């Protein structure tokens, strides 16, 4: 009869005759457990890095989309200001040219945060002051045209903190521009 002792700490068996037999399967199992831990840690670090990268990319995308929306809203507000200037512009008005300058809210219900600012219209510093209008000439040497004015219109959206500035040329007429009337 042979007596065999097994040691859990060393993974060996000792026979009655005193021979020590090392159990390779247990030591191999311990090595595999160590490798599995390292592999799990590496996989976790890779997954964490991928997660951080995905969050950064989506955050950048949200920021750029938000900036584009804000710029479009500011451009729409500036367009509204240009339309308002063209609709009411009359340099012969009793308020003078400064009466057209000012800031207005576009539409608080449909476009919250959108507003436009119209600068004071002024005569151009370069180029002709008058532009002829074809088809308006009446016989007798009279020619008709438009008087040029320049104004800056700025549109902004306070919710997105964006603004757009547009230089606008406005023609007022028809007015007589022939040399006879000057």
N, C-alpha and C. Protein backbone atom coordinates (compact mmCIF):
# COMPACT_ATOMS: atom_id res chain seq x y z
N UNK A 1 0.84 -1.15 0.00
CA UNK A 1 0.00 0.00 0.00
C UNK A 1 0.90 1.24 0.00
N UNK A 2 0.50 2.18 -0.83
CA UNK A 2 1.32 3.36 -0.98
C UNK A 2 0.54 4.57 -0.45
N UNK A 3 1.19 5.39 0.32
CA UNK A 3 0.58 6.58 0.90
C UNK A 3 1.08 7.78 0.11
N UNK A 4 0.15 8.64 -0.33
CA UNK A 4 0.53 9.81 -1.12
C UNK A 4 -0.02 11.06 -0.45
N UNK A 5 0.83 12.06 -0.32
CA UNK A 5 0.43 13.36 0.25
C UNK A 5 0.46 14.42 -0.86
N UNK A 6 -0.50 15.27 -0.81
CA UNK A 6 -0.57 16.33 -1.82
C UNK A 6 -0.47 17.67 -1.12
N UNK A 7 0.38 18.55 -1.64
CA UNK A 7 0.56 19.89 -1.06
C UNK A 7 -0.07 20.91 -1.99
N UNK A 8 -1.02 21.68 -1.45
CA UNK A 8 -1.69 22.70 -2.26
C UNK A 8 -0.77 23.89 -2.52
N UNK A 9 0.08 24.19 -1.59
CA UNK A 9 0.91 25.39 -1.75
C UNK A 9 1.99 25.19 -2.81
N UNK A 10 2.58 24.03 -2.88
CA UNK A 10 3.65 23.81 -3.86
C UNK A 10 3.14 23.12 -5.10
N UNK A 11 1.98 22.47 -5.03
CA UNK A 11 1.44 21.76 -6.17
C UNK A 11 2.19 20.45 -6.40
N UNK A 12 2.72 19.79 -5.32
CA UNK A 12 3.50 18.56 -5.45
C UNK A 12 2.84 17.44 -4.67
N UNK A 13 3.20 16.25 -5.04
CA UNK A 13 2.76 15.07 -4.28
C UNK A 13 3.99 14.36 -3.72
N UNK A 14 3.87 13.85 -2.49
CA UNK A 14 4.97 13.11 -1.85
C UNK A 14 4.48 11.69 -1.62
N UNK A 15 5.26 10.73 -2.13
CA UNK A 15 4.88 9.33 -1.94
C UNK A 15 5.46 8.83 -0.62
N UNK A 16 5.05 7.59 -0.18
CA UNK A 16 5.51 7.01 1.07
C UNK A 16 7.00 6.76 1.04
N UNK A 17 7.51 6.55 -0.12
CA UNK A 17 8.94 6.29 -0.22
C UNK A 17 9.75 7.58 -0.16
N UNK A 18 9.08 8.73 -0.17
CA UNK A 18 9.75 10.01 -0.02
C UNK A 18 10.04 10.70 -1.34
N UNK A 19 9.57 10.17 -2.44
CA UNK A 19 9.79 10.82 -3.73
C UNK A 19 8.80 11.98 -3.90
N UNK A 20 9.32 13.06 -4.36
CA UNK A 20 8.49 14.25 -4.59
C UNK A 20 8.22 14.34 -6.09
N UNK A 21 6.94 14.38 -6.42
CA UNK A 21 6.54 14.55 -7.81
C UNK A 21 5.85 15.91 -7.93
N UNK A 22 6.35 16.72 -8.80
CA UNK A 22 5.77 18.05 -9.01
C UNK A 22 4.59 17.91 -9.95
N UNK A 23 3.47 18.57 -9.60
CA UNK A 23 2.26 18.54 -10.42
C UNK A 23 2.30 19.74 -11.36
N UNK A 24 2.64 19.51 -12.63
CA UNK A 24 2.79 20.59 -13.61
C UNK A 24 1.47 21.24 -13.98
N UNK A 25 0.38 20.51 -13.91
CA UNK A 25 -0.89 21.10 -14.32
C UNK A 25 -1.32 22.21 -13.39
N UNK A 26 -1.04 22.09 -12.07
CA UNK A 26 -1.41 23.14 -11.13
C UNK A 26 -0.56 24.38 -11.34
N UNK A 27 0.73 24.22 -11.58
CA UNK A 27 1.59 25.38 -11.78
C UNK A 27 1.24 26.06 -13.10
N UNK A 28 0.87 25.30 -14.10
CA UNK A 28 0.44 25.85 -15.38
C UNK A 28 -0.85 26.64 -15.20
N UNK A 29 -1.75 26.13 -14.34
CA UNK A 29 -3.00 26.82 -14.06
C UNK A 29 -2.74 28.16 -13.38
N UNK A 30 -1.78 28.23 -12.45
CA UNK A 30 -1.45 29.50 -11.78
C UNK A 30 -0.87 30.49 -12.78
N UNK A 31 -0.04 30.04 -13.71
CA UNK A 31 0.53 30.92 -14.72
C UNK A 31 -0.56 31.47 -15.64
N UNK A 32 -1.52 30.63 -15.97
CA UNK A 32 -2.61 31.08 -16.84
C UNK A 32 -3.47 32.13 -16.14
N UNK A 33 -3.67 31.94 -14.82
CA UNK A 33 -4.45 32.94 -14.08
C UNK A 33 -3.74 34.29 -14.08
N UNK A 34 -2.45 34.32 -13.98
CA UNK A 34 -1.68 35.56 -14.02
C UNK A 34 -1.76 36.22 -15.38
N UNK A 35 -1.68 35.41 -16.44
CA UNK A 35 -1.79 35.94 -17.80
C UNK A 35 -3.19 36.49 -18.06
N UNK A 36 -4.20 35.82 -17.57
CA UNK A 36 -5.58 36.28 -17.77
C UNK A 36 -5.80 37.63 -17.09
N UNK A 37 -5.19 37.85 -15.94
CA UNK A 37 -5.32 39.12 -15.25
C UNK A 37 -4.66 40.23 -16.07
N UNK A 38 -3.47 39.97 -16.58
CA UNK A 38 -2.76 40.97 -17.39
C UNK A 38 -3.54 41.26 -18.68
N UNK A 39 -4.04 40.24 -19.32
CA UNK A 39 -4.82 40.43 -20.55
C UNK A 39 -6.09 41.23 -20.28
N UNK A 40 -6.74 40.97 -19.17
CA UNK A 40 -7.95 41.71 -18.81
C UNK A 40 -7.63 43.17 -18.54
N UNK A 41 -6.51 43.44 -17.88
CA UNK A 41 -6.11 44.83 -17.62
C UNK A 41 -5.80 45.56 -18.93
N UNK A 42 -5.08 44.91 -19.84
CA UNK A 42 -4.76 45.54 -21.12
C UNK A 42 -6.03 45.81 -21.92
N UNK A 43 -6.94 44.84 -21.95
CA UNK A 43 -8.21 45.03 -22.66
C UNK A 43 -9.00 46.18 -22.05
N UNK A 44 -8.99 46.29 -20.72
CA UNK A 44 -9.71 47.39 -20.06
C UNK A 44 -9.12 48.74 -20.42
N UNK A 45 -7.79 48.83 -20.47
CA UNK A 45 -7.14 50.10 -20.83
C UNK A 45 -7.48 50.47 -22.28
N UNK A 46 -7.47 49.49 -23.18
CA UNK A 46 -7.81 49.76 -24.58
C UNK A 46 -9.26 50.23 -24.70
N UNK A 47 -10.16 49.59 -24.00
CA UNK A 47 -11.58 49.98 -24.05
C UNK A 47 -11.77 51.38 -23.46
N UNK A 48 -11.04 51.70 -22.39
CA UNK A 48 -11.12 53.04 -21.80
C UNK A 48 -10.63 54.09 -22.79
N UNK A 49 -9.52 53.81 -23.47
CA UNK A 49 -8.99 54.76 -24.47
C UNK A 49 -9.97 54.95 -25.61
N UNK A 50 -10.58 53.88 -26.09
CA UNK A 50 -11.58 54.00 -27.15
C UNK A 50 -12.79 54.80 -26.68
N UNK A 51 -13.22 54.59 -25.47
CA UNK A 51 -14.36 55.34 -24.93
C UNK A 51 -14.05 56.82 -24.84
N UNK A 52 -12.86 57.17 -24.37
CA UNK A 52 -12.47 58.58 -24.28
C UNK A 52 -12.41 59.20 -25.67
N UNK A 53 -11.87 58.46 -26.65
CA UNK A 53 -11.79 58.97 -28.02
C UNK A 53 -13.19 59.22 -28.61
N UNK A 54 -14.11 58.31 -28.38
CA UNK A 54 -15.47 58.47 -28.89
C UNK A 54 -16.15 59.68 -28.25
N UNK A 55 -15.96 59.88 -26.98
CA UNK A 55 -16.56 61.03 -26.28
C UNK A 55 -15.97 62.33 -26.82
N UNK A 56 -14.65 62.39 -27.04
CA UNK A 56 -14.04 63.61 -27.57
C UNK A 56 -14.53 63.91 -28.98
N UNK A 57 -14.63 62.89 -29.83
CA UNK A 57 -15.10 63.12 -31.19
C UNK A 57 -16.55 63.61 -31.21
N UNK A 58 -17.38 63.03 -30.39
CA UNK A 58 -18.79 63.47 -30.38
C UNK A 58 -18.91 64.87 -29.80
N UNK A 59 -18.09 65.22 -28.82
CA UNK A 59 -18.12 66.56 -28.24
C UNK A 59 -17.67 67.59 -29.28
N UNK A 60 -16.61 67.28 -30.03
CA UNK A 60 -16.16 68.18 -31.09
C UNK A 60 -17.23 68.36 -32.15
N UNK A 61 -17.90 67.29 -32.51
CA UNK A 61 -18.95 67.35 -33.51
C UNK A 61 -20.11 68.23 -33.02
N UNK A 62 -20.47 68.09 -31.76
CA UNK A 62 -21.53 68.92 -31.20
C UNK A 62 -21.14 70.39 -31.20
N UNK A 63 -19.88 70.69 -30.86
CA UNK A 63 -19.43 72.08 -30.85
C UNK A 63 -19.45 72.68 -32.24
N UNK A 64 -18.95 71.94 -33.23
CA UNK A 64 -18.92 72.50 -34.58
C UNK A 64 -20.34 72.65 -35.14
N UNK A 65 -21.22 71.72 -34.85
CA UNK A 65 -22.61 71.83 -35.30
C UNK A 65 -23.29 73.02 -34.64
N UNK A 66 -23.04 73.21 -33.36
CA UNK A 66 -23.61 74.35 -32.64
C UNK A 66 -23.11 75.67 -33.23
N UNK A 67 -21.83 75.74 -33.56
CA UNK A 67 -21.28 76.97 -34.15
C UNK A 67 -21.91 77.25 -35.51
N UNK A 68 -22.11 76.20 -36.32
CA UNK A 68 -22.73 76.38 -37.63
C UNK A 68 -24.17 76.86 -37.49
N UNK A 69 -24.91 76.30 -36.56
CA UNK A 69 -26.30 76.73 -36.34
C UNK A 69 -26.32 78.19 -35.91
N UNK A 70 -25.43 78.56 -34.99
CA UNK A 70 -25.38 79.95 -34.53
C UNK A 70 -25.03 80.92 -35.64
N UNK A 71 -24.07 80.53 -36.50
CA UNK A 71 -23.70 81.40 -37.61
C UNK A 71 -24.85 81.56 -38.60
N UNK A 72 -25.57 80.49 -38.85
CA UNK A 72 -26.72 80.59 -39.76
C UNK A 72 -27.81 81.48 -39.17
N UNK A 73 -28.04 81.37 -37.86
CA UNK A 73 -29.04 82.22 -37.22
C UNK A 73 -28.61 83.69 -37.28
N UNK A 74 -27.31 83.96 -37.09
CA UNK A 74 -26.81 85.33 -37.17
C UNK A 74 -26.93 85.86 -38.60
N UNK A 75 -26.68 85.01 -39.59
CA UNK A 75 -26.81 85.42 -40.98
C UNK A 75 -28.26 85.73 -41.33
N UNK A 76 -29.18 84.94 -40.81
CA UNK A 76 -30.60 85.20 -41.04
C UNK A 76 -31.01 86.52 -40.39
N UNK A 77 -30.49 86.79 -39.19
CA UNK A 77 -30.79 88.06 -38.52
C UNK A 77 -30.24 89.23 -39.33
N UNK A 78 -29.01 89.10 -39.88
CA UNK A 78 -28.45 90.17 -40.71
C UNK A 78 -29.29 90.36 -41.97
N UNK A 79 -29.74 89.28 -42.56
CA UNK A 79 -30.60 89.37 -43.74
C UNK A 79 -31.90 90.10 -43.42
N UNK A 80 -32.46 89.84 -42.26
CA UNK A 80 -33.66 90.55 -41.84
C UNK A 80 -33.37 92.04 -41.70
N UNK A 81 -32.20 92.38 -41.15
CA UNK A 81 -31.81 93.79 -41.03
C UNK A 81 -31.64 94.46 -42.38
N UNK A 82 -31.05 93.75 -43.34
CA UNK A 82 -30.88 94.29 -44.70
C UNK A 82 -32.25 94.54 -45.32
N UNK A 83 -33.15 93.59 -45.20
CA UNK A 83 -34.51 93.77 -45.74
C UNK A 83 -35.21 94.96 -45.10
N UNK A 84 -35.04 95.12 -43.81
CA UNK A 84 -35.66 96.27 -43.12
C UNK A 84 -35.06 97.58 -43.62
N UNK A 85 -33.73 97.63 -43.79
CA UNK A 85 -33.09 98.84 -44.29
C UNK A 85 -33.60 99.18 -45.69
N UNK A 86 -33.66 98.19 -46.56
CA UNK A 86 -34.12 98.44 -47.93
C UNK A 86 -35.59 98.83 -47.98
N UNK A 87 -36.36 98.32 -47.06
CA UNK A 87 -37.79 98.61 -47.05
C UNK A 87 -38.09 100.04 -46.64
N UNK A 88 -37.35 100.58 -45.67
CA UNK A 88 -37.70 101.89 -45.12
C UNK A 88 -36.70 102.99 -45.46
N UNK A 89 -35.64 102.69 -46.20
CA UNK A 89 -34.59 103.68 -46.44
C UNK A 89 -35.09 104.82 -47.32
N UNK A 90 -34.95 106.02 -46.81
CA UNK A 90 -35.28 107.24 -47.55
C UNK A 90 -34.39 108.35 -46.99
N UNK A 91 -33.34 108.74 -47.71
CA UNK A 91 -32.43 109.75 -47.18
C UNK A 91 -33.07 111.14 -47.05
N UNK A 92 -34.22 111.33 -47.66
CA UNK A 92 -34.91 112.62 -47.54
C UNK A 92 -35.85 112.66 -46.34
N UNK A 93 -35.90 111.58 -45.59
CA UNK A 93 -36.76 111.51 -44.40
C UNK A 93 -36.31 112.56 -43.39
N UNK A 94 -37.24 113.05 -42.59
CA UNK A 94 -36.92 114.13 -41.65
C UNK A 94 -35.92 113.71 -40.57
N UNK A 95 -35.80 112.40 -40.30
CA UNK A 95 -34.84 111.94 -39.28
C UNK A 95 -33.41 111.90 -39.77
N UNK A 96 -33.21 112.09 -41.06
CA UNK A 96 -31.86 112.04 -41.63
C UNK A 96 -31.35 110.61 -41.68
N UNK A 97 -30.10 110.48 -42.09
CA UNK A 97 -29.52 109.14 -42.24
C UNK A 97 -29.34 108.43 -40.90
N UNK A 98 -29.09 109.18 -39.86
CA UNK A 98 -28.89 108.56 -38.54
C UNK A 98 -30.17 107.92 -38.02
N UNK A 99 -31.31 108.31 -38.55
CA UNK A 99 -32.58 107.74 -38.11
C UNK A 99 -32.76 106.29 -38.52
N UNK A 100 -31.94 105.80 -39.45
CA UNK A 100 -32.07 104.41 -39.89
C UNK A 100 -31.18 103.47 -39.09
N UNK A 101 -30.24 104.03 -38.33
CA UNK A 101 -29.34 103.20 -37.54
C UNK A 101 -30.06 102.75 -36.27
N UNK A 102 -29.70 101.57 -35.81
CA UNK A 102 -30.29 101.07 -34.57
C UNK A 102 -30.26 99.56 -34.49
N UNK A 103 -30.69 99.05 -33.36
CA UNK A 103 -30.73 97.62 -33.11
C UNK A 103 -32.16 97.19 -32.90
N UNK A 104 -32.52 96.05 -33.47
CA UNK A 104 -33.87 95.51 -33.29
C UNK A 104 -33.80 94.01 -33.10
N UNK A 105 -34.78 93.50 -32.39
CA UNK A 105 -34.93 92.06 -32.22
C UNK A 105 -35.71 91.54 -33.42
N UNK A 106 -35.27 90.41 -33.96
CA UNK A 106 -35.92 89.87 -35.16
C UNK A 106 -37.34 89.44 -34.85
N UNK A 107 -37.49 88.39 -34.08
CA UNK A 107 -38.81 87.87 -33.71
C UNK A 107 -38.60 86.98 -32.49
N UNK A 108 -38.95 87.47 -31.33
CA UNK A 108 -38.66 86.75 -30.09
C UNK A 108 -39.37 85.41 -30.01
N UNK A 109 -40.53 85.29 -30.65
CA UNK A 109 -41.25 84.02 -30.58
C UNK A 109 -40.67 82.96 -31.51
N UNK A 110 -40.32 83.35 -32.74
CA UNK A 110 -39.85 82.38 -33.73
C UNK A 110 -38.34 82.29 -33.83
N UNK A 111 -37.63 83.34 -33.44
CA UNK A 111 -36.17 83.35 -33.52
C UNK A 111 -35.60 83.94 -32.23
N UNK A 112 -35.67 83.21 -31.13
CA UNK A 112 -35.19 83.77 -29.86
C UNK A 112 -33.69 84.03 -29.90
N UNK A 113 -33.31 85.20 -29.42
CA UNK A 113 -31.90 85.56 -29.37
C UNK A 113 -31.36 86.20 -30.62
N UNK A 114 -32.15 86.26 -31.70
CA UNK A 114 -31.68 86.87 -32.95
C UNK A 114 -31.97 88.37 -32.92
N UNK A 115 -30.97 89.15 -33.32
CA UNK A 115 -31.17 90.59 -33.46
C UNK A 115 -30.23 91.13 -34.52
N UNK A 116 -30.56 92.29 -35.03
CA UNK A 116 -29.73 92.92 -36.04
C UNK A 116 -29.46 94.36 -35.66
N UNK A 117 -28.34 94.87 -36.15
CA UNK A 117 -27.96 96.26 -35.93
C UNK A 117 -27.63 96.87 -37.28
N UNK A 118 -28.26 98.00 -37.57
CA UNK A 118 -27.99 98.71 -38.82
C UNK A 118 -27.13 99.92 -38.49
N UNK A 119 -25.99 100.03 -39.18
CA UNK A 119 -25.12 101.19 -39.00
C UNK A 119 -25.67 102.39 -39.76
N UNK A 120 -25.13 103.56 -39.47
CA UNK A 120 -25.58 104.79 -40.12
C UNK A 120 -25.17 104.75 -41.60
N UNK A 121 -26.12 104.86 -42.53
CA UNK A 121 -25.76 104.90 -43.95
C UNK A 121 -24.94 106.15 -44.26
N UNK A 122 -23.95 106.00 -45.15
CA UNK A 122 -23.08 107.13 -45.52
C UNK A 122 -22.80 107.06 -47.01
N UNK A 123 -22.40 108.19 -47.57
CA UNK A 123 -22.00 108.22 -48.98
C UNK A 123 -20.72 107.41 -49.14
N UNK A 124 -20.53 106.78 -50.30
CA UNK A 124 -19.33 105.95 -50.49
C UNK A 124 -18.07 106.80 -50.54
N UNK A 125 -16.97 106.24 -50.07
CA UNK A 125 -15.69 106.95 -50.10
C UNK A 125 -14.95 106.72 -51.41
N UNK A 126 -15.35 105.73 -52.18
CA UNK A 126 -14.72 105.48 -53.47
C UNK A 126 -15.81 105.14 -54.49
N UNK A 127 -15.48 105.33 -55.74
CA UNK A 127 -16.45 105.03 -56.79
C UNK A 127 -17.41 106.19 -57.00
N UNK A 128 -18.30 106.04 -57.98
CA UNK A 128 -19.24 107.14 -58.27
C UNK A 128 -20.30 107.28 -57.18
N UNK A 129 -20.77 108.51 -57.01
CA UNK A 129 -21.83 108.77 -56.05
C UNK A 129 -23.19 108.44 -56.65
N UNK A 130 -23.30 108.57 -57.97
CA UNK A 130 -24.56 108.31 -58.67
C UNK A 130 -24.35 107.19 -59.68
N UNK A 131 -25.36 106.36 -59.83
CA UNK A 131 -25.34 105.31 -60.85
C UNK A 131 -26.54 105.51 -61.77
N UNK A 132 -26.32 105.51 -63.07
CA UNK A 132 -27.45 105.71 -63.98
C UNK A 132 -28.36 104.47 -64.00
N UNK A 133 -29.63 104.72 -64.23
CA UNK A 133 -30.61 103.64 -64.37
C UNK A 133 -31.01 103.60 -65.83
N UNK A 134 -30.78 102.46 -66.47
CA UNK A 134 -31.14 102.38 -67.89
C UNK A 134 -32.65 102.33 -68.04
N UNK A 135 -33.13 102.94 -69.09
CA UNK A 135 -34.56 102.94 -69.37
C UNK A 135 -35.32 104.07 -68.72
N UNK A 136 -34.64 104.90 -67.93
CA UNK A 136 -35.32 106.01 -67.27
C UNK A 136 -35.08 107.34 -67.96
N UNK A 137 -34.33 107.35 -69.02
CA UNK A 137 -34.04 108.62 -69.69
C UNK A 137 -35.29 109.15 -70.38
N UNK A 138 -35.58 110.40 -70.10
CA UNK A 138 -36.68 111.08 -70.75
C UNK A 138 -36.02 112.04 -71.74
N UNK A 139 -36.61 112.24 -72.85
CA UNK A 139 -35.99 113.12 -73.85
C UNK A 139 -35.60 114.47 -73.27
N UNK A 140 -34.81 115.19 -73.98
CA UNK A 140 -34.40 116.52 -73.56
C UNK A 140 -33.12 116.53 -72.76
N UNK A 141 -32.34 115.47 -72.80
CA UNK A 141 -31.04 115.47 -72.13
C UNK A 141 -31.08 115.14 -70.65
N UNK A 142 -32.21 114.75 -70.12
CA UNK A 142 -32.25 114.38 -68.71
C UNK A 142 -31.88 112.91 -68.54
N UNK A 143 -31.07 112.60 -67.54
CA UNK A 143 -30.83 111.21 -67.19
C UNK A 143 -31.13 111.01 -65.71
N UNK A 144 -31.56 109.83 -65.46
CA UNK A 144 -31.99 109.49 -64.11
C UNK A 144 -31.13 108.35 -63.56
N UNK A 145 -31.01 108.32 -62.25
CA UNK A 145 -30.19 107.27 -61.63
C UNK A 145 -30.49 107.13 -60.15
N UNK A 146 -29.54 106.51 -59.48
CA UNK A 146 -29.66 106.30 -58.03
C UNK A 146 -28.45 106.91 -57.33
N UNK A 147 -28.68 107.42 -56.15
CA UNK A 147 -27.59 107.90 -55.31
C UNK A 147 -27.16 106.74 -54.42
N UNK A 148 -25.85 106.52 -54.34
CA UNK A 148 -25.32 105.37 -53.58
C UNK A 148 -25.07 105.72 -52.12
N UNK A 149 -25.36 104.75 -51.27
CA UNK A 149 -25.07 104.84 -49.84
C UNK A 149 -24.52 103.49 -49.38
N UNK A 150 -23.67 103.51 -48.39
CA UNK A 150 -23.13 102.29 -47.80
C UNK A 150 -23.53 102.22 -46.33
N UNK A 151 -23.84 101.03 -45.87
CA UNK A 151 -24.19 100.81 -44.46
C UNK A 151 -23.70 99.42 -44.06
N UNK A 152 -23.36 99.28 -42.81
CA UNK A 152 -23.00 97.97 -42.26
C UNK A 152 -24.19 97.42 -41.48
N UNK A 153 -24.50 96.16 -41.73
CA UNK A 153 -25.58 95.49 -41.01
C UNK A 153 -24.97 94.30 -40.29
N UNK A 154 -25.21 94.23 -38.99
CA UNK A 154 -24.66 93.13 -38.20
C UNK A 154 -25.81 92.29 -37.65
N UNK A 155 -25.73 90.99 -37.87
CA UNK A 155 -26.70 90.07 -37.30
C UNK A 155 -26.02 89.27 -36.20
N UNK A 156 -26.75 88.99 -35.14
CA UNK A 156 -26.16 88.21 -34.05
C UNK A 156 -27.21 87.33 -33.40
N UNK A 157 -26.72 86.27 -32.79
CA UNK A 157 -27.57 85.39 -31.99
C UNK A 157 -26.92 85.30 -30.62
N UNK A 158 -27.59 85.81 -29.61
CA UNK A 158 -27.01 85.83 -28.27
C UNK A 158 -27.01 84.45 -27.62
N UNK A 159 -27.88 83.55 -28.05
CA UNK A 159 -27.90 82.21 -27.47
C UNK A 159 -26.68 81.40 -27.87
N UNK A 160 -26.18 81.59 -29.09
CA UNK A 160 -25.01 80.87 -29.58
C UNK A 160 -23.74 81.72 -29.56
N UNK A 161 -23.87 83.00 -29.18
CA UNK A 161 -22.75 83.94 -29.12
C UNK A 161 -22.05 84.03 -30.48
N UNK A 162 -22.83 84.25 -31.53
CA UNK A 162 -22.28 84.38 -32.88
C UNK A 162 -22.75 85.69 -33.50
N UNK A 163 -21.93 86.21 -34.40
CA UNK A 163 -22.33 87.43 -35.11
C UNK A 163 -21.73 87.43 -36.51
N UNK A 164 -22.44 88.12 -37.41
CA UNK A 164 -22.05 88.25 -38.81
C UNK A 164 -22.21 89.72 -39.18
N UNK A 165 -21.20 90.27 -39.85
CA UNK A 165 -21.26 91.67 -40.28
C UNK A 165 -21.23 91.70 -41.81
N UNK A 166 -22.19 92.44 -42.40
CA UNK A 166 -22.30 92.51 -43.86
C UNK A 166 -22.30 93.98 -44.28
N UNK A 167 -21.43 94.32 -45.22
CA UNK A 167 -21.42 95.68 -45.79
C UNK A 167 -22.44 95.71 -46.92
N UNK A 168 -23.34 96.68 -46.86
CA UNK A 168 -24.45 96.75 -47.81
C UNK A 168 -24.36 98.06 -48.59
N UNK A 169 -24.56 97.96 -49.89
CA UNK A 169 -24.68 99.14 -50.73
C UNK A 169 -26.14 99.37 -51.07
N UNK A 170 -26.62 100.58 -50.83
CA UNK A 170 -28.03 100.90 -51.06
C UNK A 170 -28.10 102.02 -52.09
N UNK A 171 -28.98 101.85 -53.06
CA UNK A 171 -29.20 102.90 -54.04
C UNK A 171 -30.55 103.56 -53.80
N UNK A 172 -30.56 104.90 -53.81
CA UNK A 172 -31.82 105.61 -53.62
C UNK A 172 -32.15 106.32 -54.93
N UNK A 173 -33.33 106.10 -55.42
CA UNK A 173 -33.71 106.75 -56.65
C UNK A 173 -35.06 106.25 -57.12
N UNK A 174 -35.52 106.63 -58.25
CA UNK A 174 -34.78 107.39 -59.26
C UNK A 174 -34.73 108.89 -58.94
N UNK A 175 -33.57 109.45 -59.17
CA UNK A 175 -33.39 110.90 -59.05
C UNK A 175 -32.69 111.38 -60.32
N UNK A 176 -32.88 112.65 -60.65
CA UNK A 176 -32.27 113.19 -61.86
C UNK A 176 -30.78 113.39 -61.60
N UNK A 177 -29.96 112.85 -62.49
CA UNK A 177 -28.51 112.96 -62.31
C UNK A 177 -27.85 113.66 -63.48
N UNK A 178 -28.63 114.26 -64.35
CA UNK A 178 -28.05 114.95 -65.51
C UNK A 178 -27.33 116.20 -65.04
N UNK A 179 -26.43 116.70 -65.85
CA UNK A 179 -25.66 117.89 -65.52
C UNK A 179 -26.54 119.13 -65.48
N UNK A 180 -27.69 119.09 -66.13
CA UNK A 180 -28.55 120.26 -66.15
C UNK A 180 -29.14 120.56 -64.76
N UNK A 181 -29.37 119.51 -63.96
CA UNK A 181 -30.04 119.75 -62.68
C UNK A 181 -29.06 120.01 -61.56
N UNK A 182 -27.78 119.89 -61.79
CA UNK A 182 -26.81 120.09 -60.71
C UNK A 182 -26.38 121.49 -60.59
